[in-house]
N, C-alpha and C. Protein backbone atom coordinates (compact mmCIF):
# COMPACT_ATOMS: atom_id res chain seq x y z
N MET A 1 -43.71 40.16 -5.54
CA MET A 1 -44.71 40.93 -6.28
C MET A 1 -44.40 40.87 -7.77
N ILE A 2 -45.43 40.64 -8.58
CA ILE A 2 -45.28 40.57 -10.03
C ILE A 2 -45.52 41.95 -10.62
N GLU A 3 -44.54 42.45 -11.38
CA GLU A 3 -44.68 43.77 -11.98
C GLU A 3 -44.97 43.62 -13.48
N PHE A 4 -46.00 44.31 -13.95
CA PHE A 4 -46.35 44.26 -15.37
C PHE A 4 -47.17 45.48 -15.73
N THR A 5 -47.11 45.86 -17.00
CA THR A 5 -47.91 46.99 -17.48
C THR A 5 -48.79 46.59 -18.65
N THR A 6 -48.46 45.49 -19.31
CA THR A 6 -49.28 45.01 -20.43
C THR A 6 -49.66 43.55 -20.20
N PHE A 7 -50.64 43.09 -20.96
CA PHE A 7 -51.11 41.71 -20.83
C PHE A 7 -50.00 40.73 -21.20
N ALA A 8 -49.23 41.06 -22.24
CA ALA A 8 -48.12 40.20 -22.66
C ALA A 8 -47.07 40.08 -21.56
N GLN A 9 -46.79 41.19 -20.88
CA GLN A 9 -45.83 41.17 -19.78
C GLN A 9 -46.34 40.31 -18.63
N LEU A 10 -47.65 40.35 -18.40
CA LEU A 10 -48.24 39.51 -17.35
C LEU A 10 -48.03 38.03 -17.66
N ILE A 11 -48.22 37.65 -18.93
CA ILE A 11 -48.03 36.26 -19.33
C ILE A 11 -46.59 35.81 -19.12
N VAL A 12 -45.65 36.60 -19.66
CA VAL A 12 -44.24 36.24 -19.59
C VAL A 12 -43.75 36.25 -18.14
N ALA A 13 -44.13 37.28 -17.39
CA ALA A 13 -43.68 37.40 -16.00
C ALA A 13 -44.19 36.25 -15.14
N THR A 14 -45.46 35.88 -15.33
CA THR A 14 -46.06 34.86 -14.48
C THR A 14 -45.58 33.46 -14.82
N ILE A 15 -45.47 33.16 -16.11
CA ILE A 15 -45.09 31.80 -16.52
C ILE A 15 -43.59 31.57 -16.40
N PHE A 16 -42.79 32.56 -16.79
CA PHE A 16 -41.35 32.34 -16.88
C PHE A 16 -40.53 33.13 -15.85
N LEU A 17 -40.62 34.44 -15.88
CA LEU A 17 -39.70 35.27 -15.10
C LEU A 17 -39.98 35.24 -13.61
N ASN A 18 -41.21 34.95 -13.21
CA ASN A 18 -41.55 34.85 -11.79
C ASN A 18 -42.35 33.58 -11.53
N ASN A 19 -41.90 32.49 -12.12
CA ASN A 19 -42.60 31.21 -11.94
C ASN A 19 -42.73 30.89 -10.45
N VAL A 20 -43.94 30.58 -10.02
CA VAL A 20 -44.20 30.41 -8.58
C VAL A 20 -43.44 29.24 -7.97
N LEU A 21 -43.15 28.23 -8.76
CA LEU A 21 -42.40 27.08 -8.24
C LEU A 21 -40.91 27.38 -8.16
N LEU A 22 -40.38 28.03 -9.18
CA LEU A 22 -38.94 28.25 -9.26
C LEU A 22 -38.45 29.44 -8.46
N PHE A 23 -39.25 30.51 -8.40
CA PHE A 23 -38.79 31.74 -7.77
C PHE A 23 -39.44 32.03 -6.42
N SER A 24 -40.60 31.45 -6.17
CA SER A 24 -41.25 31.63 -4.86
C SER A 24 -41.26 30.34 -4.06
N PHE A 25 -40.78 29.26 -4.66
CA PHE A 25 -40.68 27.94 -4.00
C PHE A 25 -42.03 27.45 -3.48
N LEU A 26 -43.08 27.75 -4.22
CA LEU A 26 -44.42 27.31 -3.83
C LEU A 26 -44.73 25.96 -4.49
N GLY A 27 -45.33 25.07 -3.73
CA GLY A 27 -45.71 23.77 -4.27
C GLY A 27 -44.57 22.79 -4.41
N LEU A 28 -43.48 23.01 -3.67
CA LEU A 28 -42.34 22.10 -3.77
C LEU A 28 -42.69 20.70 -3.28
N GLU A 29 -43.70 20.60 -2.40
CA GLU A 29 -44.07 19.29 -1.87
C GLU A 29 -44.56 18.35 -2.98
N SER A 30 -45.07 18.92 -4.05
CA SER A 30 -45.57 18.09 -5.16
C SER A 30 -44.43 17.47 -5.96
N VAL A 31 -43.27 18.10 -5.91
CA VAL A 31 -42.11 17.60 -6.66
C VAL A 31 -41.74 16.19 -6.19
N THR A 32 -41.91 15.93 -4.90
CA THR A 32 -41.52 14.63 -4.35
C THR A 32 -42.57 13.54 -4.59
N THR A 33 -43.74 13.91 -5.07
CA THR A 33 -44.82 12.93 -5.23
C THR A 33 -45.07 12.52 -6.69
N ILE A 34 -44.47 13.24 -7.63
CA ILE A 34 -44.75 12.92 -9.04
C ILE A 34 -44.04 11.65 -9.50
N GLU A 35 -42.92 11.29 -8.83
CA GLU A 35 -42.26 10.00 -9.03
C GLU A 35 -41.99 9.65 -10.50
N GLU A 36 -41.43 10.58 -11.22
CA GLU A 36 -41.04 10.35 -12.61
C GLU A 36 -42.22 9.91 -13.49
N LYS A 37 -43.42 10.26 -13.10
CA LYS A 37 -44.60 9.88 -13.87
C LYS A 37 -45.27 11.13 -14.43
N PRO A 38 -45.10 11.38 -15.72
CA PRO A 38 -45.72 12.57 -16.34
C PRO A 38 -47.22 12.63 -16.12
N LYS A 39 -47.87 11.48 -16.02
CA LYS A 39 -49.33 11.46 -15.84
C LYS A 39 -49.72 12.10 -14.51
N ASN A 40 -48.92 11.86 -13.46
CA ASN A 40 -49.20 12.47 -12.16
C ASN A 40 -49.07 13.98 -12.23
N ALA A 41 -48.03 14.44 -12.93
CA ALA A 41 -47.83 15.88 -13.09
C ALA A 41 -48.95 16.49 -13.91
N LEU A 42 -49.40 15.77 -14.93
CA LEU A 42 -50.49 16.26 -15.78
C LEU A 42 -51.79 16.38 -14.99
N LYS A 43 -52.09 15.38 -14.18
CA LYS A 43 -53.31 15.41 -13.36
C LYS A 43 -53.31 16.62 -12.42
N LEU A 44 -52.17 16.82 -11.74
CA LEU A 44 -52.08 17.94 -10.81
C LEU A 44 -52.19 19.27 -11.55
N SER A 45 -51.57 19.37 -12.72
CA SER A 45 -51.60 20.61 -13.50
C SER A 45 -53.01 20.95 -13.96
N ILE A 46 -53.74 19.95 -14.44
CA ILE A 46 -55.12 20.18 -14.89
C ILE A 46 -56.01 20.57 -13.72
N ALA A 47 -55.85 19.87 -12.59
CA ALA A 47 -56.63 20.20 -11.40
C ALA A 47 -56.37 21.64 -10.96
N LEU A 48 -55.11 22.04 -11.02
CA LEU A 48 -54.74 23.40 -10.63
C LEU A 48 -55.32 24.44 -11.58
N LEU A 49 -55.35 24.12 -12.87
CA LEU A 49 -55.91 25.04 -13.87
C LEU A 49 -57.41 25.26 -13.66
N PHE A 50 -58.09 24.28 -13.12
CA PHE A 50 -59.51 24.43 -12.83
C PHE A 50 -59.74 25.18 -11.52
N VAL A 51 -59.02 24.77 -10.48
CA VAL A 51 -59.30 25.26 -9.13
C VAL A 51 -58.72 26.65 -8.86
N LEU A 52 -57.46 26.87 -9.24
CA LEU A 52 -56.79 28.12 -8.88
C LEU A 52 -57.49 29.38 -9.38
N PRO A 53 -57.92 29.44 -10.65
CA PRO A 53 -58.65 30.64 -11.10
C PRO A 53 -59.93 30.89 -10.31
N LEU A 54 -60.67 29.83 -10.00
CA LEU A 54 -61.90 29.98 -9.22
C LEU A 54 -61.61 30.55 -7.84
N VAL A 55 -60.65 29.95 -7.17
CA VAL A 55 -60.30 30.40 -5.81
C VAL A 55 -59.74 31.81 -5.84
N SER A 56 -58.94 32.14 -6.84
CA SER A 56 -58.33 33.47 -6.93
C SER A 56 -59.37 34.56 -7.10
N VAL A 57 -60.31 34.35 -8.00
CA VAL A 57 -61.35 35.35 -8.24
C VAL A 57 -62.21 35.55 -7.00
N ILE A 58 -62.61 34.46 -6.36
CA ILE A 58 -63.43 34.55 -5.15
C ILE A 58 -62.67 35.24 -4.03
N SER A 59 -61.41 34.86 -3.83
CA SER A 59 -60.59 35.45 -2.77
C SER A 59 -60.31 36.92 -3.03
N PHE A 60 -60.07 37.27 -4.29
CA PHE A 60 -59.83 38.67 -4.64
C PHE A 60 -61.06 39.52 -4.29
N TRP A 61 -62.24 39.00 -4.63
CA TRP A 61 -63.47 39.73 -4.34
C TRP A 61 -63.68 39.86 -2.83
N ILE A 62 -63.45 38.78 -2.10
CA ILE A 62 -63.61 38.80 -0.64
C ILE A 62 -62.66 39.81 -0.01
N TYR A 63 -61.41 39.81 -0.48
CA TYR A 63 -60.41 40.70 0.10
C TYR A 63 -60.77 42.16 -0.10
N HIS A 64 -61.16 42.51 -1.33
CA HIS A 64 -61.39 43.92 -1.66
C HIS A 64 -62.80 44.41 -1.33
N ASN A 65 -63.70 43.53 -0.96
CA ASN A 65 -65.06 43.94 -0.63
C ASN A 65 -65.46 43.66 0.81
N LEU A 66 -64.82 42.70 1.44
CA LEU A 66 -65.18 42.36 2.81
C LEU A 66 -64.04 42.61 3.81
N LEU A 67 -62.82 42.24 3.43
CA LEU A 67 -61.70 42.41 4.36
C LEU A 67 -61.13 43.82 4.34
N LEU A 68 -61.08 44.43 3.17
CA LEU A 68 -60.54 45.79 3.05
C LEU A 68 -61.53 46.66 2.28
N THR A 69 -62.15 47.59 3.00
CA THR A 69 -63.16 48.45 2.39
C THR A 69 -62.68 49.89 2.39
N LEU A 70 -62.76 50.54 1.23
CA LEU A 70 -62.36 51.94 1.08
C LEU A 70 -63.58 52.78 0.72
N ASN A 71 -63.54 54.06 1.14
CA ASN A 71 -64.62 54.97 0.74
C ASN A 71 -64.27 55.63 -0.60
N ASP A 72 -65.08 56.58 -1.02
CA ASP A 72 -64.88 57.22 -2.33
C ASP A 72 -63.59 58.01 -2.43
N THR A 73 -63.06 58.44 -1.30
CA THR A 73 -61.82 59.22 -1.30
C THR A 73 -60.58 58.35 -1.12
N GLY A 74 -60.78 57.05 -1.01
CA GLY A 74 -59.65 56.14 -0.87
C GLY A 74 -59.23 55.86 0.55
N GLU A 75 -59.99 56.38 1.52
CA GLU A 75 -59.65 56.14 2.92
C GLU A 75 -60.19 54.78 3.36
N VAL A 76 -59.45 54.14 4.25
CA VAL A 76 -59.84 52.81 4.73
C VAL A 76 -61.01 52.93 5.70
N VAL A 77 -62.09 52.25 5.37
CA VAL A 77 -63.27 52.23 6.23
C VAL A 77 -63.24 51.00 7.15
N ARG A 78 -62.85 49.87 6.58
CA ARG A 78 -62.77 48.63 7.36
C ARG A 78 -61.52 47.87 6.94
N ASP A 79 -60.73 47.46 7.93
CA ASP A 79 -59.50 46.73 7.64
C ASP A 79 -59.46 45.43 8.46
N LEU A 80 -59.81 44.35 7.79
CA LEU A 80 -59.77 43.03 8.42
C LEU A 80 -58.74 42.14 7.72
N THR A 81 -57.73 42.78 7.15
CA THR A 81 -56.75 42.03 6.35
C THR A 81 -55.92 41.06 7.20
N TYR A 82 -55.91 41.25 8.51
CA TYR A 82 -55.18 40.33 9.37
C TYR A 82 -55.83 38.93 9.36
N LEU A 83 -57.04 38.85 8.85
CA LEU A 83 -57.75 37.57 8.75
C LEU A 83 -57.56 36.90 7.39
N GLN A 84 -56.77 37.52 6.51
CA GLN A 84 -56.73 37.05 5.13
C GLN A 84 -56.27 35.59 4.99
N THR A 85 -55.25 35.20 5.74
CA THR A 85 -54.76 33.82 5.61
C THR A 85 -55.83 32.81 6.01
N PHE A 86 -56.47 33.07 7.14
CA PHE A 86 -57.54 32.17 7.61
C PHE A 86 -58.68 32.12 6.60
N VAL A 87 -59.09 33.29 6.12
CA VAL A 87 -60.20 33.36 5.17
C VAL A 87 -59.85 32.65 3.87
N PHE A 88 -58.62 32.81 3.40
CA PHE A 88 -58.20 32.17 2.15
C PHE A 88 -58.15 30.65 2.29
N VAL A 89 -57.67 30.17 3.43
CA VAL A 89 -57.62 28.71 3.66
C VAL A 89 -59.03 28.13 3.65
N VAL A 90 -59.96 28.81 4.32
CA VAL A 90 -61.36 28.36 4.33
C VAL A 90 -61.94 28.38 2.92
N THR A 91 -61.64 29.45 2.18
CA THR A 91 -62.13 29.58 0.80
C THR A 91 -61.61 28.45 -0.08
N ILE A 92 -60.32 28.15 0.04
CA ILE A 92 -59.73 27.06 -0.74
C ILE A 92 -60.44 25.74 -0.45
N THR A 93 -60.63 25.46 0.83
CA THR A 93 -61.27 24.19 1.23
C THR A 93 -62.69 24.09 0.68
N VAL A 94 -63.46 25.16 0.84
CA VAL A 94 -64.86 25.15 0.40
C VAL A 94 -64.95 25.00 -1.12
N VAL A 95 -64.12 25.76 -1.85
CA VAL A 95 -64.16 25.70 -3.31
C VAL A 95 -63.78 24.31 -3.81
N VAL A 96 -62.74 23.72 -3.23
CA VAL A 96 -62.31 22.38 -3.65
C VAL A 96 -63.40 21.35 -3.40
N VAL A 97 -64.04 21.41 -2.24
CA VAL A 97 -65.10 20.45 -1.91
C VAL A 97 -66.27 20.60 -2.89
N ILE A 98 -66.72 21.84 -3.10
CA ILE A 98 -67.84 22.08 -4.01
C ILE A 98 -67.48 21.68 -5.44
N PHE A 99 -66.27 22.02 -5.86
CA PHE A 99 -65.82 21.67 -7.22
C PHE A 99 -65.82 20.16 -7.42
N ASN A 100 -65.32 19.43 -6.42
CA ASN A 100 -65.29 17.98 -6.53
C ASN A 100 -66.69 17.37 -6.60
N VAL A 101 -67.60 17.90 -5.80
CA VAL A 101 -68.98 17.40 -5.81
C VAL A 101 -69.62 17.64 -7.17
N LEU A 102 -69.39 18.83 -7.73
CA LEU A 102 -70.00 19.18 -9.02
C LEU A 102 -69.46 18.33 -10.16
N ILE A 103 -68.13 18.21 -10.24
CA ILE A 103 -67.57 17.44 -11.37
C ILE A 103 -67.87 15.95 -11.22
N LYS A 104 -68.03 15.50 -9.98
CA LYS A 104 -68.37 14.08 -9.78
C LYS A 104 -69.75 13.77 -10.35
N LYS A 105 -70.67 14.75 -10.24
CA LYS A 105 -72.02 14.55 -10.74
C LYS A 105 -72.14 14.86 -12.23
N VAL A 106 -71.48 15.92 -12.67
CA VAL A 106 -71.63 16.39 -14.05
C VAL A 106 -70.62 15.75 -15.00
N PHE A 107 -69.36 15.65 -14.55
CA PHE A 107 -68.30 15.08 -15.40
C PHE A 107 -67.59 13.96 -14.65
N PRO A 108 -68.23 12.81 -14.50
CA PRO A 108 -67.64 11.71 -13.72
C PRO A 108 -66.28 11.23 -14.25
N LYS A 109 -66.08 11.27 -15.57
CA LYS A 109 -64.80 10.84 -16.13
C LYS A 109 -63.68 11.80 -15.74
N LEU A 110 -64.01 13.10 -15.76
CA LEU A 110 -63.03 14.10 -15.33
C LEU A 110 -62.70 13.92 -13.86
N TYR A 111 -63.72 13.62 -13.06
CA TYR A 111 -63.51 13.40 -11.62
C TYR A 111 -62.59 12.20 -11.39
N MET A 112 -62.78 11.13 -12.17
CA MET A 112 -61.94 9.94 -12.03
C MET A 112 -60.48 10.27 -12.36
N PHE A 113 -60.29 11.25 -13.26
CA PHE A 113 -58.93 11.59 -13.69
C PHE A 113 -58.24 12.54 -12.72
N ILE A 114 -58.93 13.59 -12.28
CA ILE A 114 -58.26 14.61 -11.46
C ILE A 114 -58.82 14.75 -10.05
N GLY A 115 -59.81 13.94 -9.69
CA GLY A 115 -60.45 14.08 -8.38
C GLY A 115 -59.49 14.04 -7.21
N GLN A 116 -58.61 13.04 -7.19
CA GLN A 116 -57.65 12.90 -6.10
C GLN A 116 -56.65 14.05 -6.09
N SER A 117 -56.22 14.47 -7.27
CA SER A 117 -55.27 15.59 -7.36
C SER A 117 -55.90 16.88 -6.87
N THR A 118 -57.19 17.05 -7.14
CA THR A 118 -57.91 18.25 -6.69
C THR A 118 -57.94 18.32 -5.18
N ILE A 119 -58.20 17.20 -4.53
CA ILE A 119 -58.23 17.16 -3.07
C ILE A 119 -56.87 17.52 -2.49
N GLN A 120 -55.80 17.08 -3.13
CA GLN A 120 -54.45 17.37 -2.66
C GLN A 120 -54.13 18.87 -2.68
N LEU A 121 -54.84 19.62 -3.52
CA LEU A 121 -54.59 21.06 -3.63
C LEU A 121 -54.93 21.82 -2.35
N VAL A 122 -55.77 21.24 -1.51
CA VAL A 122 -56.14 21.91 -0.25
C VAL A 122 -54.89 22.15 0.60
N ALA A 123 -53.97 21.19 0.56
CA ALA A 123 -52.75 21.30 1.36
C ALA A 123 -51.53 21.72 0.55
N ASN A 124 -51.75 22.10 -0.70
CA ASN A 124 -50.63 22.50 -1.55
C ASN A 124 -50.35 23.99 -1.38
N THR A 125 -49.11 24.32 -1.06
CA THR A 125 -48.76 25.72 -0.78
C THR A 125 -48.89 26.63 -1.99
N VAL A 126 -48.90 26.06 -3.20
CA VAL A 126 -48.97 26.90 -4.39
C VAL A 126 -50.30 27.66 -4.44
N VAL A 127 -51.38 27.05 -3.96
CA VAL A 127 -52.69 27.70 -4.03
C VAL A 127 -52.73 28.91 -3.10
N LEU A 128 -52.42 28.71 -1.83
CA LEU A 128 -52.44 29.82 -0.87
C LEU A 128 -51.40 30.86 -1.24
N GLY A 129 -50.23 30.41 -1.68
CA GLY A 129 -49.17 31.35 -2.05
C GLY A 129 -49.58 32.26 -3.20
N VAL A 130 -50.21 31.68 -4.22
CA VAL A 130 -50.66 32.48 -5.36
C VAL A 130 -51.73 33.48 -4.93
N LEU A 131 -52.60 33.08 -4.02
CA LEU A 131 -53.64 34.01 -3.54
C LEU A 131 -53.01 35.22 -2.85
N LEU A 132 -51.98 34.98 -2.05
CA LEU A 132 -51.32 36.07 -1.33
C LEU A 132 -50.56 36.98 -2.29
N ILE A 133 -49.91 36.39 -3.30
CA ILE A 133 -49.23 37.20 -4.31
C ILE A 133 -50.25 37.98 -5.13
N ASN A 134 -51.36 37.33 -5.40
CA ASN A 134 -52.43 37.89 -6.23
C ASN A 134 -52.92 39.24 -5.70
N ILE A 135 -53.23 39.28 -4.41
CA ILE A 135 -53.82 40.50 -3.84
C ILE A 135 -52.84 41.66 -3.77
N SER A 136 -51.54 41.34 -3.86
CA SER A 136 -50.55 42.42 -3.80
C SER A 136 -50.01 42.80 -5.17
N SER A 137 -50.38 42.03 -6.20
CA SER A 137 -49.79 42.26 -7.52
C SER A 137 -50.78 42.73 -8.58
N VAL A 138 -52.05 42.38 -8.44
CA VAL A 138 -53.02 42.74 -9.47
C VAL A 138 -54.07 43.68 -8.90
N ASP A 139 -54.69 44.46 -9.79
CA ASP A 139 -55.62 45.49 -9.32
C ASP A 139 -57.05 45.31 -9.80
N THR A 140 -57.30 44.30 -10.63
CA THR A 140 -58.66 44.08 -11.10
C THR A 140 -59.02 42.60 -10.99
N LEU A 141 -60.31 42.33 -11.00
CA LEU A 141 -60.79 40.95 -10.92
C LEU A 141 -60.36 40.15 -12.15
N ALA A 142 -60.38 40.80 -13.31
CA ALA A 142 -59.98 40.12 -14.55
C ALA A 142 -58.50 39.74 -14.51
N ASN A 143 -57.65 40.67 -14.07
CA ASN A 143 -56.22 40.37 -13.97
C ASN A 143 -55.95 39.29 -12.93
N SER A 144 -56.77 39.26 -11.90
CA SER A 144 -56.66 38.21 -10.89
C SER A 144 -56.88 36.84 -11.53
N PHE A 145 -57.88 36.77 -12.38
CA PHE A 145 -58.17 35.51 -13.09
C PHE A 145 -57.03 35.13 -14.02
N TYR A 146 -56.57 36.09 -14.83
CA TYR A 146 -55.50 35.81 -15.79
C TYR A 146 -54.21 35.40 -15.07
N PHE A 147 -53.89 36.12 -14.01
CA PHE A 147 -52.67 35.83 -13.25
C PHE A 147 -52.69 34.40 -12.72
N SER A 148 -53.82 33.98 -12.17
CA SER A 148 -53.92 32.64 -11.60
C SER A 148 -53.86 31.56 -12.68
N VAL A 149 -54.45 31.83 -13.84
CA VAL A 149 -54.39 30.87 -14.95
C VAL A 149 -52.94 30.67 -15.41
N PHE A 150 -52.23 31.77 -15.60
CA PHE A 150 -50.85 31.68 -16.08
C PHE A 150 -49.92 31.12 -14.99
N ALA A 151 -50.21 31.43 -13.73
CA ALA A 151 -49.42 30.86 -12.63
C ALA A 151 -49.59 29.34 -12.59
N ALA A 152 -50.82 28.88 -12.76
CA ALA A 152 -51.09 27.44 -12.78
C ALA A 152 -50.42 26.78 -13.99
N PHE A 153 -50.49 27.46 -15.14
CA PHE A 153 -49.86 26.93 -16.35
C PHE A 153 -48.35 26.84 -16.18
N GLY A 154 -47.75 27.90 -15.63
CA GLY A 154 -46.30 27.90 -15.42
C GLY A 154 -45.86 26.83 -14.44
N TYR A 155 -46.64 26.65 -13.39
CA TYR A 155 -46.34 25.61 -12.40
C TYR A 155 -46.41 24.23 -13.04
N GLY A 156 -47.48 23.99 -13.79
CA GLY A 156 -47.63 22.70 -14.46
C GLY A 156 -46.55 22.45 -15.50
N LEU A 157 -46.16 23.51 -16.20
CA LEU A 157 -45.11 23.39 -17.23
C LEU A 157 -43.80 22.93 -16.62
N VAL A 158 -43.43 23.52 -15.49
CA VAL A 158 -42.18 23.13 -14.82
C VAL A 158 -42.26 21.69 -14.32
N LEU A 159 -43.41 21.30 -13.77
CA LEU A 159 -43.58 19.91 -13.31
C LEU A 159 -43.42 18.93 -14.46
N MET A 160 -44.03 19.25 -15.61
CA MET A 160 -43.95 18.37 -16.78
C MET A 160 -42.51 18.27 -17.29
N ILE A 161 -41.81 19.40 -17.33
CA ILE A 161 -40.40 19.39 -17.76
C ILE A 161 -39.56 18.55 -16.81
N LEU A 162 -39.82 18.72 -15.51
CA LEU A 162 -39.08 17.98 -14.50
C LEU A 162 -39.27 16.47 -14.64
N THR A 163 -40.51 16.04 -14.81
CA THR A 163 -40.79 14.60 -14.94
C THR A 163 -40.20 14.04 -16.24
N PHE A 164 -40.23 14.84 -17.30
CA PHE A 164 -39.66 14.40 -18.58
C PHE A 164 -38.15 14.20 -18.45
N ILE A 165 -37.47 15.17 -17.83
CA ILE A 165 -36.01 15.06 -17.67
C ILE A 165 -35.66 13.88 -16.77
N GLU A 166 -36.42 13.72 -15.68
CA GLU A 166 -36.17 12.59 -14.78
C GLU A 166 -36.33 11.25 -15.49
N LYS A 167 -37.33 11.18 -16.34
CA LYS A 167 -37.57 9.94 -17.09
C LYS A 167 -36.39 9.64 -18.01
N GLN A 168 -35.82 10.70 -18.61
CA GLN A 168 -34.67 10.52 -19.49
C GLN A 168 -33.43 10.09 -18.72
N LEU A 169 -33.40 10.43 -17.43
CA LEU A 169 -32.22 10.13 -16.61
C LEU A 169 -32.32 8.79 -15.88
N GLN A 170 -33.39 8.04 -16.13
CA GLN A 170 -33.59 6.78 -15.42
C GLN A 170 -32.43 5.81 -15.60
N GLN A 171 -31.87 5.76 -16.80
CA GLN A 171 -30.77 4.84 -17.08
C GLN A 171 -29.40 5.50 -16.93
N ALA A 172 -29.39 6.75 -16.53
CA ALA A 172 -28.12 7.46 -16.38
C ALA A 172 -27.38 6.97 -15.12
N PRO A 173 -26.04 6.97 -15.16
CA PRO A 173 -25.26 6.50 -14.00
C PRO A 173 -25.19 7.55 -12.89
N ILE A 174 -26.33 7.82 -12.27
CA ILE A 174 -26.40 8.81 -11.20
C ILE A 174 -26.03 8.15 -9.87
N PRO A 175 -25.13 8.75 -9.09
CA PRO A 175 -24.80 8.18 -7.77
C PRO A 175 -26.05 8.00 -6.91
N LYS A 176 -26.07 6.97 -6.11
CA LYS A 176 -27.24 6.64 -5.31
C LYS A 176 -27.70 7.80 -4.43
N GLY A 177 -26.73 8.52 -3.88
CA GLY A 177 -27.06 9.62 -2.99
C GLY A 177 -27.73 10.79 -3.68
N PHE A 178 -27.65 10.85 -5.01
CA PHE A 178 -28.25 11.95 -5.76
C PHE A 178 -29.58 11.59 -6.39
N LYS A 179 -29.99 10.33 -6.28
CA LYS A 179 -31.25 9.93 -6.88
C LYS A 179 -32.44 10.45 -6.07
N GLY A 180 -33.55 10.65 -6.76
CA GLY A 180 -34.76 11.13 -6.08
C GLY A 180 -34.76 12.64 -5.91
N LEU A 181 -35.01 13.09 -4.69
CA LEU A 181 -35.13 14.53 -4.41
C LEU A 181 -33.88 15.33 -4.76
N PRO A 182 -32.66 14.85 -4.43
CA PRO A 182 -31.47 15.65 -4.77
C PRO A 182 -31.37 15.99 -6.25
N ILE A 183 -31.58 15.00 -7.13
CA ILE A 183 -31.47 15.28 -8.57
C ILE A 183 -32.61 16.17 -9.02
N GLN A 184 -33.78 16.04 -8.38
CA GLN A 184 -34.91 16.92 -8.71
C GLN A 184 -34.57 18.37 -8.41
N LEU A 185 -33.97 18.60 -7.24
CA LEU A 185 -33.61 19.97 -6.85
C LEU A 185 -32.51 20.53 -7.75
N ILE A 186 -31.59 19.68 -8.17
CA ILE A 186 -30.54 20.12 -9.09
C ILE A 186 -31.14 20.54 -10.43
N ILE A 187 -32.07 19.73 -10.94
CA ILE A 187 -32.74 20.06 -12.21
C ILE A 187 -33.49 21.38 -12.09
N LEU A 188 -34.23 21.54 -10.99
CA LEU A 188 -34.98 22.78 -10.77
C LEU A 188 -34.04 23.98 -10.68
N SER A 189 -32.89 23.79 -10.05
CA SER A 189 -31.91 24.88 -9.93
C SER A 189 -31.39 25.31 -11.29
N ILE A 190 -31.13 24.34 -12.15
CA ILE A 190 -30.63 24.65 -13.50
C ILE A 190 -31.69 25.40 -14.31
N ILE A 191 -32.95 24.93 -14.23
CA ILE A 191 -34.04 25.62 -14.93
C ILE A 191 -34.19 27.04 -14.41
N THR A 192 -34.08 27.20 -13.09
CA THR A 192 -34.20 28.53 -12.47
C THR A 192 -33.10 29.46 -12.97
N LEU A 193 -31.87 28.97 -13.05
CA LEU A 193 -30.75 29.79 -13.52
C LEU A 193 -30.96 30.22 -14.97
N ILE A 194 -31.49 29.32 -15.78
CA ILE A 194 -31.76 29.66 -17.19
C ILE A 194 -32.77 30.79 -17.28
N LEU A 195 -33.87 30.67 -16.53
CA LEU A 195 -34.91 31.69 -16.56
C LEU A 195 -34.45 32.98 -15.90
N TYR A 196 -33.62 32.85 -14.85
CA TYR A 196 -33.10 34.05 -14.19
C TYR A 196 -32.23 34.85 -15.15
N GLY A 197 -31.51 34.15 -16.02
CA GLY A 197 -30.69 34.84 -17.02
C GLY A 197 -31.52 35.66 -17.97
N LEU A 198 -32.74 35.22 -18.25
CA LEU A 198 -33.64 35.99 -19.12
C LEU A 198 -34.17 37.23 -18.42
N ASN A 199 -34.15 37.20 -17.09
CA ASN A 199 -34.74 38.28 -16.30
C ASN A 199 -33.75 39.38 -16.00
N VAL A 200 -32.48 39.12 -16.23
CA VAL A 200 -31.44 40.11 -15.91
C VAL A 200 -31.42 41.22 -16.94
């Protein structure tokens, strides 16, 4: 759960102190696919910045208006929250499909750049994970939007840093057994420790 009382705290907490990749381990599957290519990380980050806020706002509204309904006194009238995971997965799929169709027709160049990355988000744990954190951490539709934007930005920032460091280490004498995923996890661990120190 992300704790904040001001907008500035929301930004810092979401991007740095509670980064979804480093502290919730969401979207780790993407770490193995970027292959030291900053362009791949950039494509995924841009796709996430478009899709995640849309899905978050829609899911937040569905959760608080259809799955969980309260009366004027705050008593629960309808509780279908046990369906939230299924509903969110369906929402993600529908939004991604519609988004891809729209940008393919309206912005074909953008589709050529991020279209494939957008499709990959359907199976990316960062999207569903952020939605689940979202409904337990924020209380308004606006904060839901801001939280998802900063979560996507923080996720993309870590991916870009990771690919940059990996690129710098290409000529480094790294033992064969540590190349690839092992060195990626070591880099992520170091970044996490640095940010954790700021949170203490």
